[in-house]
């Protein structure tokens, strides 16, 4: 069972409208602030329009090896879909 803290994080993330036709910057900023409050530095990589960004963060020691996790912050709209 998820902890109340995890439920709060999930609720905050789900509250952002990151439909692909909109900017994701508010969510990226929230995640960057969340990480920074926990001592994790991050870096934004903006698309050419400046309206969307990816976020890169590194946890743990520098050096060889490690695990990389990748995700996305947008969802595809359902308008015009036959399903």
C-alpha atoms as a PDB file:
ATOM      1  CA  UNK A   1       0.000   0.000   0.000  1.00  0.00           C
ATOM      2  CA  UNK A   2       1.300   3.456  -0.898  1.00  0.00           C
ATOM      3  CA  UNK A   3       2.166   5.871   1.883  1.00  0.00           C
ATOM      4  CA  UNK A   4       0.240   9.136   2.285  1.00  0.00           C
ATOM      5  CA  UNK A   5       3.373  11.009   1.131  1.00  0.00           C
ATOM      6  CA  UNK A   6       3.519   8.969  -2.075  1.00  0.00           C
ATOM      7  CA  UNK A   7      -0.192   9.537  -2.649  1.00  0.00           C
ATOM      8  CA  UNK A   8       0.362  13.295  -2.255  1.00  0.00           C
ATOM      9  CA  UNK A   9       3.196  13.257  -4.800  1.00  0.00           C
ATOM     10  CA  UNK A  10       1.092  11.287  -7.262  1.00  0.00           C
ATOM     11  CA  UNK A  11      -1.888  13.608  -6.759  1.00  0.00           C
ATOM     12  CA  UNK A  12       0.315  16.658  -7.389  1.00  0.00           C
ATOM     13  CA  UNK A  13       1.726  15.157 -10.591  1.00  0.00           C
ATOM     14  CA  UNK A  14      -1.683  14.085 -11.892  1.00  0.00           C
ATOM     15  CA  UNK A  15      -3.060  17.591 -11.333  1.00  0.00           C
ATOM     16  CA  UNK A  16      -0.917  19.030 -14.146  1.00  0.00           C
ATOM     17  CA  UNK A  17      -2.539  19.235 -17.588  1.00  0.00           C
ATOM     18  CA  UNK A  18       0.347  17.959 -19.684  1.00  0.00           C
ATOM     19  CA  UNK A  19      -1.710  17.015 -22.719  1.00  0.00           C
ATOM     20  CA  UNK A  20       0.805  17.122 -25.574  1.00  0.00           C
ATOM     21  CA  UNK A  21      -0.726  20.278 -27.060  1.00  0.00           C
ATOM     22  CA  UNK A  22       0.152  22.181 -23.827  1.00  0.00           C
ATOM     23  CA  UNK A  23       3.414  23.115 -22.146  1.00  0.00           C
ATOM     24  CA  UNK A  24       4.866  20.783 -19.541  1.00  0.00           C
ATOM     25  CA  UNK A  25       6.988  23.486 -17.881  1.00  0.00           C
ATOM     26  CA  UNK A  26       4.841  23.798 -14.747  1.00  0.00           C
ATOM     27  CA  UNK A  27       5.275  20.082 -14.072  1.00  0.00           C
ATOM     28  CA  UNK A  28       8.993  20.169 -14.892  1.00  0.00           C
ATOM     29  CA  UNK A  29       9.429  23.103 -12.493  1.00  0.00           C
ATOM     30  CA  UNK A  30       7.505  21.250  -9.757  1.00  0.00           C
ATOM     31  CA  UNK A  31       9.659  18.140 -10.150  1.00  0.00           C
ATOM     32  CA  UNK A  32      12.883  20.194 -10.218  1.00  0.00           C
ATOM     33  CA  UNK A  33      11.811  22.014  -7.034  1.00  0.00           C
ATOM     34  CA  UNK A  34      10.835  18.716  -5.383  1.00  0.00           C
ATOM     35  CA  UNK A  35      14.257  17.258  -6.183  1.00  0.00           C
ATOM     36  CA  UNK A  36      16.129  20.422  -5.149  1.00  0.00           C
ATOM     37  CA  UNK A  37      14.400  20.376  -1.755  1.00  0.00           C
ATOM     38  CA  UNK A  38      15.962  16.955  -1.292  1.00  0.00           C
ATOM     39  CA  UNK A  39      19.443  17.993  -2.400  1.00  0.00           C
ATOM     40  CA  UNK A  40      19.199  16.672  -5.961  1.00  0.00           C
ATOM     41  CA  UNK A  41      20.444  18.953  -8.733  1.00  0.00           C
ATOM     42  CA  UNK A  42      18.696  18.797 -12.091  1.00  0.00           C
ATOM     43  CA  UNK A  43      18.989  20.382 -15.502  1.00  0.00           C
ATOM     44  CA  UNK A  44      16.288  21.351 -17.991  1.00  0.00           C
ATOM     45  CA  UNK A  45      16.628  20.778 -21.727  1.00  0.00           C
ATOM     46  CA  UNK A  46      14.170  22.953 -23.662  1.00  0.00           C
ATOM     47  CA  UNK A  47      12.628  22.257 -27.056  1.00  0.00           C
ATOM     48  CA  UNK A  48      13.183  24.863 -29.815  1.00  0.00           C
ATOM     49  CA  UNK A  49       9.971  26.725 -28.890  1.00  0.00           C
ATOM     50  CA  UNK A  50      10.950  26.968 -25.221  1.00  0.00           C
ATOM     51  CA  UNK A  51       7.482  25.746 -24.278  1.00  0.00           C
ATOM     52  CA  UNK A  52       8.435  22.217 -23.279  1.00  0.00           C
ATOM     53  CA  UNK A  53      11.390  20.680 -21.524  1.00  0.00           C
ATOM     54  CA  UNK A  54      12.964  17.446 -20.422  1.00  0.00           C
ATOM     55  CA  UNK A  55      14.536  17.166 -16.988  1.00  0.00           C
ATOM     56  CA  UNK A  56      17.787  15.374 -16.229  1.00  0.00           C
ATOM     57  CA  UNK A  57      18.778  14.535 -12.665  1.00  0.00           C
ATOM     58  CA  UNK A  58      21.532  12.347 -11.302  1.00  0.00           C
ATOM     59  CA  UNK A  59      21.402  10.611  -7.940  1.00  0.00           C
ATOM     60  CA  UNK A  60      24.266   8.792  -6.305  1.00  0.00           C
ATOM     61  CA  UNK A  61      28.000   8.841  -6.884  1.00  0.00           C
ATOM     62  CA  UNK A  62      29.696   9.745 -10.142  1.00  0.00           C
ATOM     63  CA  UNK A  63      31.577   7.039 -11.929  1.00  0.00           C
ATOM     64  CA  UNK A  64      30.988   3.988 -14.024  1.00  0.00           C
ATOM     65  CA  UNK A  65      27.914   1.853 -13.956  1.00  0.00           C
ATOM     66  CA  UNK A  66      24.478   2.767 -12.750  1.00  0.00           C
ATOM     67  CA  UNK A  67      20.901   2.634 -13.853  1.00  0.00           C
ATOM     68  CA  UNK A  68      19.107   5.159 -16.040  1.00  0.00           C
ATOM     69  CA  UNK A  69      15.375   5.703 -15.785  1.00  0.00           C
ATOM     70  CA  UNK A  70      13.515   7.542 -18.510  1.00  0.00           C
ATOM     71  CA  UNK A  71       9.918   8.658 -18.637  1.00  0.00           C
ATOM     72  CA  UNK A  72       7.741  11.274 -20.243  1.00  0.00           C
ATOM     73  CA  UNK A  73       5.556  14.030 -18.870  1.00  0.00           C
ATOM     74  CA  UNK A  74       2.944  14.381 -21.585  1.00  0.00           C
ATOM     75  CA  UNK A  75      -0.172  12.486 -22.529  1.00  0.00           C
ATOM     76  CA  UNK A  76      -1.826  12.200 -25.935  1.00  0.00           C
ATOM     77  CA  UNK A  77      -5.284  13.775 -26.268  1.00  0.00           C
ATOM     78  CA  UNK A  78      -8.169  11.461 -27.059  1.00  0.00           C
ATOM     79  CA  UNK A  79     -10.144  13.945 -29.187  1.00  0.00           C
ATOM     80  CA  UNK A  80     -10.721  12.622 -32.660  1.00  0.00           C
ATOM     81  CA  UNK A  81      -9.871   9.058 -31.655  1.00  0.00           C
ATOM     82  CA  UNK A  82     -12.184   6.239 -32.691  1.00  0.00           C
ATOM     83  CA  UNK A  83     -11.786   4.407 -29.410  1.00  0.00           C
END
